[in-house]
């Protein structure tokens, strides 16, 4: 990839999408670990064991789901924001900004082609995640279970993409593209003071 300065629209889109995705991952992580309905039900049960109140396991699970519901609502709201950002990202090339790179260009090195393919696969997987999320929320109830199964698979592309992306950026920063991190933050390469 060429050394380039990143315009403000590119940097805003990049960081807004990045923060949304990290927040979505955080909500998934919490839902699978500390805020897991079984764990929350166990915490409630432990507390209730010192009181005169008793609840069945099913009642504890319902209560646990209600406790973690506000956190999961933020997952949904962030998904809406990410959907809007992604649609804007797809529209920007039509206005001359943030063009998509062609990985089939024969003049590109194998490394650059790989980078471009990784981004195209990422965009395809992200679109599937967003579409399935929207169908879960707004689609017919009959499709909800199947869409949830596909949607849950999102974590299996997102985590590897983030690792590849961050690893690639760090390698580029310290080898062939010094200043890439400062350019995506400030828009221009930071120069060393004399």
N, C-alpha and C. Protein backbone atom coordinates (compact mmCIF):
# COMPACT_ATOMS: atom_id res chain seq x y z
N UNK A 1 0.85 -1.17 0.00
CA UNK A 1 0.00 0.00 0.00
C UNK A 1 0.89 1.23 0.00
N UNK A 2 0.47 2.25 -0.70
CA UNK A 2 1.27 3.44 -0.83
C UNK A 2 1.26 4.25 0.47
N UNK A 3 2.34 5.04 0.64
CA UNK A 3 2.36 5.99 1.75
C UNK A 3 1.43 7.12 1.37
N UNK A 4 0.44 7.36 2.18
CA UNK A 4 -0.51 8.42 1.84
C UNK A 4 -1.00 9.08 3.11
N UNK A 5 -1.50 10.28 2.93
CA UNK A 5 -2.15 10.97 4.04
C UNK A 5 -3.63 10.63 3.97
N UNK A 6 -4.24 10.53 5.14
CA UNK A 6 -5.64 10.15 5.19
C UNK A 6 -6.50 11.38 5.44
N UNK A 7 -7.45 11.67 4.54
CA UNK A 7 -8.32 12.83 4.74
C UNK A 7 -9.22 12.63 5.96
N UNK A 8 -9.78 13.72 6.43
CA UNK A 8 -10.60 13.71 7.64
C UNK A 8 -11.75 12.72 7.54
N UNK A 9 -12.45 12.67 6.40
CA UNK A 9 -13.59 11.77 6.26
C UNK A 9 -13.15 10.32 6.42
N UNK A 10 -11.99 9.98 5.89
CA UNK A 10 -11.46 8.62 6.00
C UNK A 10 -11.16 8.30 7.46
N UNK A 11 -10.50 9.22 8.15
CA UNK A 11 -10.13 8.98 9.55
C UNK A 11 -11.37 8.86 10.44
N UNK A 12 -12.35 9.72 10.22
CA UNK A 12 -13.59 9.65 11.02
C UNK A 12 -14.29 8.32 10.79
N UNK A 13 -14.42 7.90 9.53
CA UNK A 13 -15.07 6.63 9.22
C UNK A 13 -14.30 5.46 9.84
N UNK A 14 -12.98 5.48 9.68
CA UNK A 14 -12.15 4.40 10.20
C UNK A 14 -12.34 4.25 11.70
N UNK A 15 -12.22 5.35 12.44
CA UNK A 15 -12.28 5.26 13.90
C UNK A 15 -13.70 5.03 14.40
N UNK A 16 -14.70 5.57 13.73
CA UNK A 16 -16.08 5.32 14.15
C UNK A 16 -16.44 3.84 13.97
N UNK A 17 -16.06 3.27 12.83
CA UNK A 17 -16.30 1.85 12.60
C UNK A 17 -15.50 1.01 13.59
N UNK A 18 -14.25 1.38 13.82
CA UNK A 18 -13.40 0.63 14.76
C UNK A 18 -13.99 0.64 16.17
N UNK A 19 -14.40 1.80 16.66
CA UNK A 19 -14.96 1.87 18.01
C UNK A 19 -16.28 1.09 18.11
N UNK A 20 -17.11 1.17 17.09
CA UNK A 20 -18.35 0.38 17.09
C UNK A 20 -18.04 -1.11 17.17
N UNK A 21 -17.09 -1.57 16.38
CA UNK A 21 -16.78 -2.99 16.36
C UNK A 21 -16.17 -3.45 17.68
N UNK A 22 -15.32 -2.64 18.26
CA UNK A 22 -14.73 -3.00 19.55
C UNK A 22 -15.81 -3.04 20.62
N UNK A 23 -16.73 -2.08 20.61
CA UNK A 23 -17.81 -2.08 21.58
C UNK A 23 -18.71 -3.30 21.40
N UNK A 24 -19.01 -3.65 20.15
CA UNK A 24 -19.82 -4.84 19.89
C UNK A 24 -19.12 -6.10 20.41
N UNK A 25 -17.82 -6.17 20.18
CA UNK A 25 -17.06 -7.31 20.71
C UNK A 25 -17.10 -7.36 22.23
N UNK A 26 -17.02 -6.19 22.85
CA UNK A 26 -17.08 -6.13 24.32
C UNK A 26 -18.43 -6.65 24.82
N UNK A 27 -19.51 -6.26 24.19
CA UNK A 27 -20.82 -6.74 24.64
C UNK A 27 -20.96 -8.24 24.42
N UNK A 28 -20.40 -8.74 23.32
CA UNK A 28 -20.43 -10.19 23.08
C UNK A 28 -19.61 -10.91 24.15
N UNK A 29 -18.42 -10.39 24.42
CA UNK A 29 -17.56 -10.99 25.43
C UNK A 29 -18.25 -11.03 26.79
N UNK A 30 -18.86 -9.91 27.18
CA UNK A 30 -19.56 -9.88 28.47
C UNK A 30 -20.72 -10.86 28.49
N UNK A 31 -21.45 -10.94 27.40
CA UNK A 31 -22.60 -11.85 27.35
C UNK A 31 -22.16 -13.31 27.44
N UNK A 32 -21.00 -13.62 26.90
CA UNK A 32 -20.50 -14.99 26.93
C UNK A 32 -19.77 -15.35 28.23
N UNK A 33 -19.39 -14.33 29.00
CA UNK A 33 -18.60 -14.60 30.21
C UNK A 33 -19.34 -14.11 31.45
N UNK A 34 -18.94 -12.99 32.03
CA UNK A 34 -19.48 -12.53 33.31
C UNK A 34 -20.97 -12.30 33.28
N UNK A 35 -21.49 -11.82 32.17
CA UNK A 35 -22.92 -11.53 32.09
C UNK A 35 -23.71 -12.68 31.47
N UNK A 36 -23.11 -13.85 31.39
CA UNK A 36 -23.81 -15.04 30.92
C UNK A 36 -25.02 -15.28 31.81
N UNK A 37 -26.14 -15.62 31.22
CA UNK A 37 -27.38 -15.76 32.00
C UNK A 37 -27.24 -16.79 33.12
N UNK A 38 -26.49 -17.84 32.88
CA UNK A 38 -26.29 -18.86 33.92
C UNK A 38 -25.48 -18.29 35.09
N UNK A 39 -24.43 -17.54 34.78
CA UNK A 39 -23.61 -16.92 35.83
C UNK A 39 -24.40 -15.91 36.65
N UNK A 40 -25.18 -15.09 35.96
CA UNK A 40 -25.98 -14.09 36.66
C UNK A 40 -27.04 -14.78 37.52
N UNK A 41 -27.64 -15.84 37.00
CA UNK A 41 -28.63 -16.59 37.78
C UNK A 41 -27.99 -17.19 39.02
N UNK A 42 -26.76 -17.69 38.90
CA UNK A 42 -26.05 -18.24 40.06
C UNK A 42 -25.78 -17.17 41.11
N UNK A 43 -25.41 -15.97 40.66
CA UNK A 43 -25.16 -14.86 41.60
C UNK A 43 -26.44 -14.51 42.35
N UNK A 44 -27.54 -14.45 41.63
CA UNK A 44 -28.83 -14.15 42.27
C UNK A 44 -29.19 -15.26 43.26
N UNK A 45 -29.01 -16.51 42.83
CA UNK A 45 -29.31 -17.65 43.70
C UNK A 45 -28.47 -17.61 44.97
N UNK A 46 -27.18 -17.29 44.84
CA UNK A 46 -26.30 -17.19 46.01
C UNK A 46 -26.78 -16.11 46.97
N UNK A 47 -27.20 -14.99 46.41
CA UNK A 47 -27.72 -13.92 47.26
C UNK A 47 -29.02 -14.34 47.95
N UNK A 48 -29.92 -14.94 47.17
CA UNK A 48 -31.23 -15.32 47.72
C UNK A 48 -31.12 -16.43 48.77
N UNK A 49 -30.06 -17.19 48.74
CA UNK A 49 -29.91 -18.27 49.72
C UNK A 49 -29.77 -17.72 51.14
N UNK A 50 -29.41 -16.44 51.28
CA UNK A 50 -29.32 -15.83 52.62
C UNK A 50 -30.61 -15.10 53.00
N UNK A 51 -31.63 -15.24 52.16
CA UNK A 51 -32.92 -14.59 52.44
C UNK A 51 -34.01 -15.65 52.49
N UNK A 52 -35.21 -15.20 52.72
CA UNK A 52 -36.36 -16.12 52.74
C UNK A 52 -36.98 -16.28 51.34
N UNK A 53 -36.39 -15.66 50.34
CA UNK A 53 -36.95 -15.68 48.99
C UNK A 53 -36.36 -16.87 48.23
N UNK A 54 -37.21 -17.60 47.55
CA UNK A 54 -36.74 -18.69 46.69
C UNK A 54 -37.35 -18.52 45.31
N UNK A 55 -36.53 -18.81 44.32
CA UNK A 55 -36.99 -18.76 42.93
C UNK A 55 -36.57 -20.05 42.24
N UNK A 56 -37.37 -20.47 41.29
CA UNK A 56 -37.00 -21.64 40.49
C UNK A 56 -35.86 -21.25 39.55
N UNK A 57 -35.19 -22.25 38.97
CA UNK A 57 -34.09 -21.97 38.03
C UNK A 57 -34.61 -21.19 36.83
N UNK A 58 -35.79 -21.52 36.35
CA UNK A 58 -36.37 -20.78 35.21
C UNK A 58 -36.63 -19.32 35.57
N UNK A 59 -37.11 -19.06 36.77
CA UNK A 59 -37.34 -17.68 37.21
C UNK A 59 -36.02 -16.93 37.35
N UNK A 60 -34.99 -17.63 37.84
CA UNK A 60 -33.68 -17.01 37.96
C UNK A 60 -33.11 -16.63 36.59
N UNK A 61 -33.30 -17.49 35.60
CA UNK A 61 -32.83 -17.21 34.24
C UNK A 61 -33.56 -16.02 33.66
N UNK A 62 -34.88 -15.95 33.87
CA UNK A 62 -35.67 -14.80 33.38
C UNK A 62 -35.16 -13.52 34.02
N UNK A 63 -34.92 -13.54 35.31
CA UNK A 63 -34.40 -12.37 36.01
C UNK A 63 -33.00 -12.00 35.52
N UNK A 64 -32.16 -13.01 35.30
CA UNK A 64 -30.81 -12.78 34.78
C UNK A 64 -30.86 -12.11 33.41
N UNK A 65 -31.77 -12.57 32.57
CA UNK A 65 -31.91 -11.97 31.24
C UNK A 65 -32.35 -10.51 31.34
N UNK A 66 -33.22 -10.21 32.29
CA UNK A 66 -33.66 -8.82 32.48
C UNK A 66 -32.53 -7.93 32.97
N UNK A 67 -31.66 -8.48 33.81
CA UNK A 67 -30.54 -7.70 34.34
C UNK A 67 -29.57 -7.34 33.21
N UNK A 68 -29.31 -8.28 32.33
CA UNK A 68 -28.33 -8.00 31.27
C UNK A 68 -28.95 -7.37 30.02
N UNK A 69 -30.27 -7.23 29.99
CA UNK A 69 -30.95 -6.67 28.81
C UNK A 69 -30.47 -5.26 28.45
N UNK A 70 -30.29 -4.34 29.41
CA UNK A 70 -29.81 -3.00 28.99
C UNK A 70 -28.46 -3.05 28.27
N UNK A 71 -27.56 -3.93 28.73
CA UNK A 71 -26.27 -4.06 28.05
C UNK A 71 -26.48 -4.57 26.62
N UNK A 72 -27.35 -5.54 26.47
CA UNK A 72 -27.58 -6.09 25.14
C UNK A 72 -28.29 -5.10 24.23
N UNK A 73 -29.12 -4.23 24.81
CA UNK A 73 -29.74 -3.17 24.01
C UNK A 73 -28.66 -2.28 23.39
N UNK A 74 -27.59 -2.02 24.13
CA UNK A 74 -26.50 -1.21 23.58
C UNK A 74 -25.81 -1.92 22.43
N UNK A 75 -25.77 -3.24 22.47
CA UNK A 75 -25.24 -4.01 21.35
C UNK A 75 -26.10 -3.74 20.11
N UNK A 76 -27.40 -3.77 20.29
CA UNK A 76 -28.32 -3.54 19.18
C UNK A 76 -28.20 -2.11 18.66
N UNK A 77 -28.18 -1.12 19.56
CA UNK A 77 -28.07 0.27 19.12
C UNK A 77 -26.76 0.51 18.37
N UNK A 78 -25.69 -0.07 18.88
CA UNK A 78 -24.39 0.09 18.21
C UNK A 78 -24.42 -0.59 16.86
N UNK A 79 -25.15 -1.71 16.75
CA UNK A 79 -25.32 -2.36 15.45
C UNK A 79 -26.02 -1.45 14.45
N UNK A 80 -27.01 -0.69 14.92
CA UNK A 80 -27.68 0.27 14.03
C UNK A 80 -26.70 1.34 13.56
N UNK A 81 -25.90 1.86 14.49
CA UNK A 81 -24.91 2.89 14.14
C UNK A 81 -23.92 2.31 13.12
N UNK A 82 -23.45 1.10 13.39
CA UNK A 82 -22.49 0.48 12.48
C UNK A 82 -23.12 0.24 11.11
N UNK A 83 -24.38 -0.11 11.06
CA UNK A 83 -25.07 -0.29 9.78
C UNK A 83 -25.08 1.02 9.00
N UNK A 84 -25.39 2.11 9.69
CA UNK A 84 -25.38 3.42 9.03
C UNK A 84 -23.99 3.79 8.54
N UNK A 85 -22.98 3.56 9.37
CA UNK A 85 -21.60 3.87 8.97
C UNK A 85 -21.17 3.01 7.78
N UNK A 86 -21.56 1.74 7.80
CA UNK A 86 -21.18 0.84 6.71
C UNK A 86 -21.85 1.26 5.41
N UNK A 87 -23.12 1.64 5.47
CA UNK A 87 -23.81 2.12 4.26
C UNK A 87 -23.14 3.39 3.73
N UNK A 88 -22.77 4.27 4.65
CA UNK A 88 -22.05 5.48 4.24
C UNK A 88 -20.70 5.12 3.62
N UNK A 89 -20.01 4.14 4.21
CA UNK A 89 -18.72 3.71 3.66
C UNK A 89 -18.89 3.16 2.25
N UNK A 90 -19.96 2.43 2.02
CA UNK A 90 -20.20 1.89 0.68
C UNK A 90 -20.59 2.98 -0.31
N UNK A 91 -21.18 4.06 0.18
CA UNK A 91 -21.62 5.15 -0.71
C UNK A 91 -20.49 6.13 -1.02
N UNK A 92 -19.54 6.30 -0.14
CA UNK A 92 -18.50 7.31 -0.32
C UNK A 92 -17.72 7.19 -1.63
N UNK A 93 -17.40 5.99 -2.12
CA UNK A 93 -16.68 5.93 -3.40
C UNK A 93 -17.44 6.57 -4.56
N UNK A 94 -18.76 6.61 -4.49
CA UNK A 94 -19.55 7.24 -5.55
C UNK A 94 -19.43 8.76 -5.53
N UNK A 95 -18.91 9.29 -4.41
CA UNK A 95 -18.70 10.74 -4.28
C UNK A 95 -17.23 11.09 -4.35
N UNK A 96 -16.41 10.14 -4.79
CA UNK A 96 -14.98 10.41 -4.98
C UNK A 96 -14.13 10.22 -3.75
N UNK A 97 -14.69 9.74 -2.66
CA UNK A 97 -13.92 9.53 -1.44
C UNK A 97 -13.82 8.04 -1.13
N UNK A 98 -12.73 7.66 -0.53
CA UNK A 98 -12.53 6.30 -0.02
C UNK A 98 -12.84 5.23 -1.06
N UNK A 99 -12.16 5.31 -2.19
CA UNK A 99 -12.34 4.32 -3.26
C UNK A 99 -11.94 2.93 -2.77
N UNK A 100 -12.61 1.91 -3.29
CA UNK A 100 -12.23 0.54 -3.01
C UNK A 100 -11.08 0.15 -3.93
N UNK A 101 -10.13 -0.61 -3.40
CA UNK A 101 -8.98 -1.04 -4.18
C UNK A 101 -9.25 -2.38 -4.84
N UNK A 102 -8.76 -2.54 -6.05
CA UNK A 102 -9.00 -3.75 -6.83
C UNK A 102 -7.88 -4.76 -6.59
N UNK A 103 -8.19 -5.89 -5.94
CA UNK A 103 -7.16 -6.89 -5.69
C UNK A 103 -6.78 -7.69 -6.94
N UNK A 104 -7.51 -7.51 -8.02
CA UNK A 104 -7.21 -8.24 -9.26
C UNK A 104 -6.24 -7.49 -10.17
N UNK A 105 -5.82 -6.30 -9.76
CA UNK A 105 -4.87 -5.51 -10.53
C UNK A 105 -3.55 -6.27 -10.62
N UNK A 106 -3.13 -6.60 -11.83
CA UNK A 106 -1.93 -7.41 -12.04
C UNK A 106 -0.64 -6.69 -11.65
N UNK A 107 -0.68 -5.38 -11.53
CA UNK A 107 0.52 -4.62 -11.21
C UNK A 107 0.83 -4.61 -9.71
N UNK A 108 -0.07 -5.11 -8.90
CA UNK A 108 0.12 -5.11 -7.45
C UNK A 108 0.99 -6.28 -7.02
N UNK A 109 1.73 -6.06 -5.95
CA UNK A 109 2.52 -7.14 -5.37
C UNK A 109 1.58 -8.13 -4.68
N UNK A 110 2.08 -9.32 -4.41
CA UNK A 110 1.27 -10.35 -3.74
C UNK A 110 0.83 -9.86 -2.36
N UNK A 111 1.69 -9.15 -1.68
CA UNK A 111 1.37 -8.65 -0.33
C UNK A 111 0.20 -7.67 -0.39
N UNK A 112 0.25 -6.74 -1.33
CA UNK A 112 -0.82 -5.75 -1.45
C UNK A 112 -2.12 -6.42 -1.90
N UNK A 113 -2.04 -7.37 -2.82
CA UNK A 113 -3.24 -8.11 -3.22
C UNK A 113 -3.86 -8.79 -2.01
N UNK A 114 -3.03 -9.43 -1.18
CA UNK A 114 -3.53 -10.08 0.03
C UNK A 114 -4.25 -9.08 0.93
N UNK A 115 -3.64 -7.91 1.10
CA UNK A 115 -4.27 -6.87 1.94
C UNK A 115 -5.63 -6.48 1.38
N UNK A 116 -5.71 -6.28 0.09
CA UNK A 116 -6.98 -5.88 -0.53
C UNK A 116 -8.03 -6.98 -0.41
N UNK A 117 -7.61 -8.25 -0.58
CA UNK A 117 -8.55 -9.36 -0.43
C UNK A 117 -9.06 -9.46 1.00
N UNK A 118 -8.16 -9.25 1.96
CA UNK A 118 -8.58 -9.31 3.37
C UNK A 118 -9.68 -8.28 3.62
N UNK A 119 -9.52 -7.08 3.09
CA UNK A 119 -10.55 -6.05 3.28
C UNK A 119 -11.85 -6.40 2.57
N UNK A 120 -11.77 -6.94 1.38
CA UNK A 120 -13.01 -7.33 0.67
C UNK A 120 -13.75 -8.43 1.42
N UNK A 121 -13.02 -9.42 1.92
CA UNK A 121 -13.65 -10.50 2.69
C UNK A 121 -14.25 -9.92 3.97
N UNK A 122 -13.53 -8.99 4.61
CA UNK A 122 -14.03 -8.34 5.82
C UNK A 122 -15.34 -7.62 5.52
N UNK A 123 -15.38 -6.84 4.44
CA UNK A 123 -16.60 -6.11 4.09
C UNK A 123 -17.76 -7.07 3.79
N UNK A 124 -17.48 -8.18 3.13
CA UNK A 124 -18.53 -9.16 2.84
C UNK A 124 -19.06 -9.77 4.14
N UNK A 125 -18.15 -10.15 5.04
CA UNK A 125 -18.58 -10.75 6.31
C UNK A 125 -19.33 -9.73 7.17
N UNK A 126 -18.85 -8.50 7.18
CA UNK A 126 -19.53 -7.45 7.95
C UNK A 126 -20.94 -7.22 7.41
N UNK A 127 -21.08 -7.23 6.10
CA UNK A 127 -22.43 -7.02 5.54
C UNK A 127 -23.36 -8.17 5.93
N UNK A 128 -22.85 -9.40 5.97
CA UNK A 128 -23.67 -10.54 6.40
C UNK A 128 -24.07 -10.36 7.86
N UNK A 129 -23.13 -9.94 8.70
CA UNK A 129 -23.43 -9.73 10.12
C UNK A 129 -24.50 -8.67 10.31
N UNK A 130 -24.37 -7.57 9.59
CA UNK A 130 -25.33 -6.48 9.75
C UNK A 130 -26.71 -6.86 9.21
N UNK A 131 -26.74 -7.53 8.08
CA UNK A 131 -28.02 -7.94 7.49
C UNK A 131 -28.72 -8.95 8.41
N UNK A 132 -27.98 -9.93 8.90
CA UNK A 132 -28.61 -10.91 9.80
C UNK A 132 -29.08 -10.26 11.09
N UNK A 133 -28.30 -9.30 11.60
CA UNK A 133 -28.73 -8.58 12.80
C UNK A 133 -30.02 -7.82 12.57
N UNK A 134 -30.14 -7.18 11.43
CA UNK A 134 -31.36 -6.45 11.11
C UNK A 134 -32.55 -7.39 10.91
N UNK A 135 -32.30 -8.55 10.31
CA UNK A 135 -33.39 -9.52 10.14
C UNK A 135 -33.83 -10.06 11.50
N UNK A 136 -32.88 -10.27 12.41
CA UNK A 136 -33.22 -10.72 13.77
C UNK A 136 -34.15 -9.71 14.43
N UNK A 137 -33.86 -8.44 14.27
CA UNK A 137 -34.64 -7.38 14.91
C UNK A 137 -35.96 -7.08 14.21
N UNK A 138 -35.94 -7.06 12.86
CA UNK A 138 -37.10 -6.58 12.11
C UNK A 138 -37.75 -7.61 11.21
N UNK A 139 -37.11 -8.75 11.03
CA UNK A 139 -37.61 -9.75 10.10
C UNK A 139 -38.68 -10.64 10.72
N UNK A 140 -39.16 -11.57 9.94
CA UNK A 140 -40.18 -12.49 10.45
C UNK A 140 -39.61 -13.37 11.56
N UNK A 141 -40.45 -13.67 12.53
CA UNK A 141 -40.04 -14.51 13.67
C UNK A 141 -39.57 -15.88 13.21
N UNK A 142 -40.12 -16.37 12.12
CA UNK A 142 -39.75 -17.70 11.63
C UNK A 142 -38.29 -17.78 11.21
N UNK A 143 -37.69 -16.64 10.86
CA UNK A 143 -36.29 -16.62 10.42
C UNK A 143 -35.32 -16.32 11.56
N UNK A 144 -35.83 -15.91 12.71
CA UNK A 144 -34.98 -15.42 13.79
C UNK A 144 -33.93 -16.45 14.23
N UNK A 145 -34.32 -17.68 14.46
CA UNK A 145 -33.38 -18.70 14.93
C UNK A 145 -32.25 -18.94 13.96
N UNK A 146 -32.59 -19.09 12.68
CA UNK A 146 -31.57 -19.33 11.66
C UNK A 146 -30.64 -18.13 11.51
N UNK A 147 -31.21 -16.92 11.52
CA UNK A 147 -30.41 -15.71 11.41
C UNK A 147 -29.48 -15.55 12.62
N UNK A 148 -29.96 -15.91 13.80
CA UNK A 148 -29.12 -15.83 15.00
C UNK A 148 -27.92 -16.77 14.88
N UNK A 149 -28.15 -17.97 14.32
CA UNK A 149 -27.04 -18.91 14.14
C UNK A 149 -25.96 -18.31 13.24
N UNK A 150 -26.37 -17.68 12.16
CA UNK A 150 -25.41 -17.06 11.24
C UNK A 150 -24.75 -15.85 11.92
N UNK A 151 -25.56 -15.05 12.60
CA UNK A 151 -25.06 -13.84 13.24
C UNK A 151 -24.01 -14.15 14.30
N UNK A 152 -24.20 -15.22 15.04
CA UNK A 152 -23.25 -15.61 16.09
C UNK A 152 -21.88 -15.94 15.49
N UNK A 153 -21.86 -16.38 14.26
CA UNK A 153 -20.58 -16.71 13.61
C UNK A 153 -19.72 -15.47 13.37
N UNK A 154 -20.30 -14.27 13.56
CA UNK A 154 -19.56 -13.03 13.34
C UNK A 154 -18.25 -12.98 14.11
N UNK A 155 -18.26 -13.50 15.30
CA UNK A 155 -17.05 -13.41 16.12
C UNK A 155 -15.89 -14.18 15.48
N UNK A 156 -16.21 -15.16 14.64
CA UNK A 156 -15.16 -15.98 14.05
C UNK A 156 -14.44 -15.30 12.88
N UNK A 157 -14.96 -14.23 12.36
CA UNK A 157 -14.20 -13.46 11.37
C UNK A 157 -13.68 -12.17 11.99
N UNK A 158 -14.42 -11.61 12.93
CA UNK A 158 -14.06 -10.30 13.47
C UNK A 158 -12.76 -10.34 14.28
N UNK A 159 -12.63 -11.30 15.16
CA UNK A 159 -11.42 -11.37 15.97
C UNK A 159 -10.18 -11.62 15.09
N UNK A 160 -10.21 -12.61 14.17
CA UNK A 160 -9.03 -12.77 13.31
C UNK A 160 -8.73 -11.54 12.46
N UNK A 161 -9.78 -10.87 11.96
CA UNK A 161 -9.54 -9.66 11.17
C UNK A 161 -8.83 -8.60 12.01
N UNK A 162 -9.31 -8.38 13.23
CA UNK A 162 -8.68 -7.38 14.09
C UNK A 162 -7.23 -7.72 14.37
N UNK A 163 -6.94 -9.00 14.59
CA UNK A 163 -5.56 -9.42 14.84
C UNK A 163 -4.70 -9.19 13.60
N UNK A 164 -5.20 -9.60 12.43
CA UNK A 164 -4.45 -9.40 11.18
C UNK A 164 -4.26 -7.91 10.92
N UNK A 165 -5.32 -7.13 11.11
CA UNK A 165 -5.25 -5.69 10.85
C UNK A 165 -4.24 -5.01 11.77
N UNK A 166 -4.37 -5.23 13.07
CA UNK A 166 -3.46 -4.60 14.02
C UNK A 166 -2.03 -5.09 13.83
N UNK A 167 -1.87 -6.39 13.61
CA UNK A 167 -0.54 -6.93 13.37
C UNK A 167 0.09 -6.33 12.12
N UNK A 168 -0.69 -6.25 11.05
CA UNK A 168 -0.19 -5.67 9.80
C UNK A 168 0.18 -4.21 9.95
N UNK A 169 -0.63 -3.47 10.69
CA UNK A 169 -0.33 -2.04 10.90
C UNK A 169 0.97 -1.89 11.70
N UNK A 170 1.11 -2.68 12.74
CA UNK A 170 2.33 -2.59 13.55
C UNK A 170 3.57 -3.00 12.76
N UNK A 171 3.45 -4.05 11.97
CA UNK A 171 4.58 -4.46 11.13
C UNK A 171 4.93 -3.35 10.14
N UNK A 172 3.90 -2.78 9.50
CA UNK A 172 4.14 -1.69 8.55
C UNK A 172 4.77 -0.48 9.23
N UNK A 173 4.28 -0.16 10.43
CA UNK A 173 4.80 1.00 11.16
C UNK A 173 6.30 0.86 11.41
N UNK A 174 6.74 -0.34 11.75
CA UNK A 174 8.13 -0.53 12.12
C UNK A 174 9.02 -1.03 10.99
N UNK A 175 8.44 -1.19 9.79
CA UNK A 175 9.25 -1.63 8.65
C UNK A 175 9.08 -0.69 7.46
N UNK A 176 8.19 -1.00 6.57
CA UNK A 176 8.10 -0.32 5.28
C UNK A 176 7.30 0.98 5.26
N UNK A 177 6.41 1.20 6.26
CA UNK A 177 5.55 2.39 6.25
C UNK A 177 5.59 3.12 7.59
N UNK A 178 6.76 3.59 8.00
CA UNK A 178 6.79 4.32 9.27
C UNK A 178 5.89 5.55 9.22
N UNK A 179 5.18 5.78 10.30
CA UNK A 179 4.28 6.93 10.37
C UNK A 179 2.85 6.60 10.00
N UNK A 180 2.56 5.35 9.65
CA UNK A 180 1.20 5.00 9.24
C UNK A 180 0.20 5.23 10.37
N UNK A 181 0.62 4.97 11.60
CA UNK A 181 -0.28 5.16 12.74
C UNK A 181 -0.56 6.64 12.96
N UNK A 182 0.47 7.48 12.89
CA UNK A 182 0.22 8.91 13.08
C UNK A 182 -0.63 9.47 11.95
N UNK A 183 -0.50 8.92 10.73
CA UNK A 183 -1.31 9.42 9.61
C UNK A 183 -2.79 9.06 9.80
N UNK A 184 -3.09 7.90 10.36
CA UNK A 184 -4.50 7.52 10.54
C UNK A 184 -5.10 8.25 11.75
N UNK A 185 -4.24 8.78 12.62
CA UNK A 185 -4.73 9.55 13.76
C UNK A 185 -4.86 11.03 13.39
N UNK A 186 -3.79 11.60 12.85
CA UNK A 186 -3.79 13.04 12.59
C UNK A 186 -3.97 13.42 11.13
N UNK A 187 -3.77 12.48 10.24
CA UNK A 187 -3.93 12.78 8.82
C UNK A 187 -2.62 13.01 8.11
N UNK A 188 -1.58 13.33 8.84
CA UNK A 188 -0.27 13.55 8.24
C UNK A 188 0.79 12.81 9.04
N UNK A 189 1.89 12.52 8.39
CA UNK A 189 2.98 11.82 9.04
C UNK A 189 3.67 12.75 10.02
N UNK A 190 3.86 12.27 11.23
CA UNK A 190 4.56 13.04 12.24
C UNK A 190 6.03 13.05 11.91
N UNK A 191 6.62 14.22 11.90
CA UNK A 191 8.05 14.32 11.60
C UNK A 191 8.83 14.47 12.88
N UNK A 192 10.06 13.95 12.87
CA UNK A 192 10.92 14.05 14.04
C UNK A 192 11.48 15.45 14.15
N UNK A 193 11.51 15.96 15.38
CA UNK A 193 12.09 17.28 15.60
C UNK A 193 13.60 17.17 15.62
N UNK A 194 14.27 18.22 15.12
CA UNK A 194 15.74 18.24 15.09
C UNK A 194 16.27 18.83 16.37
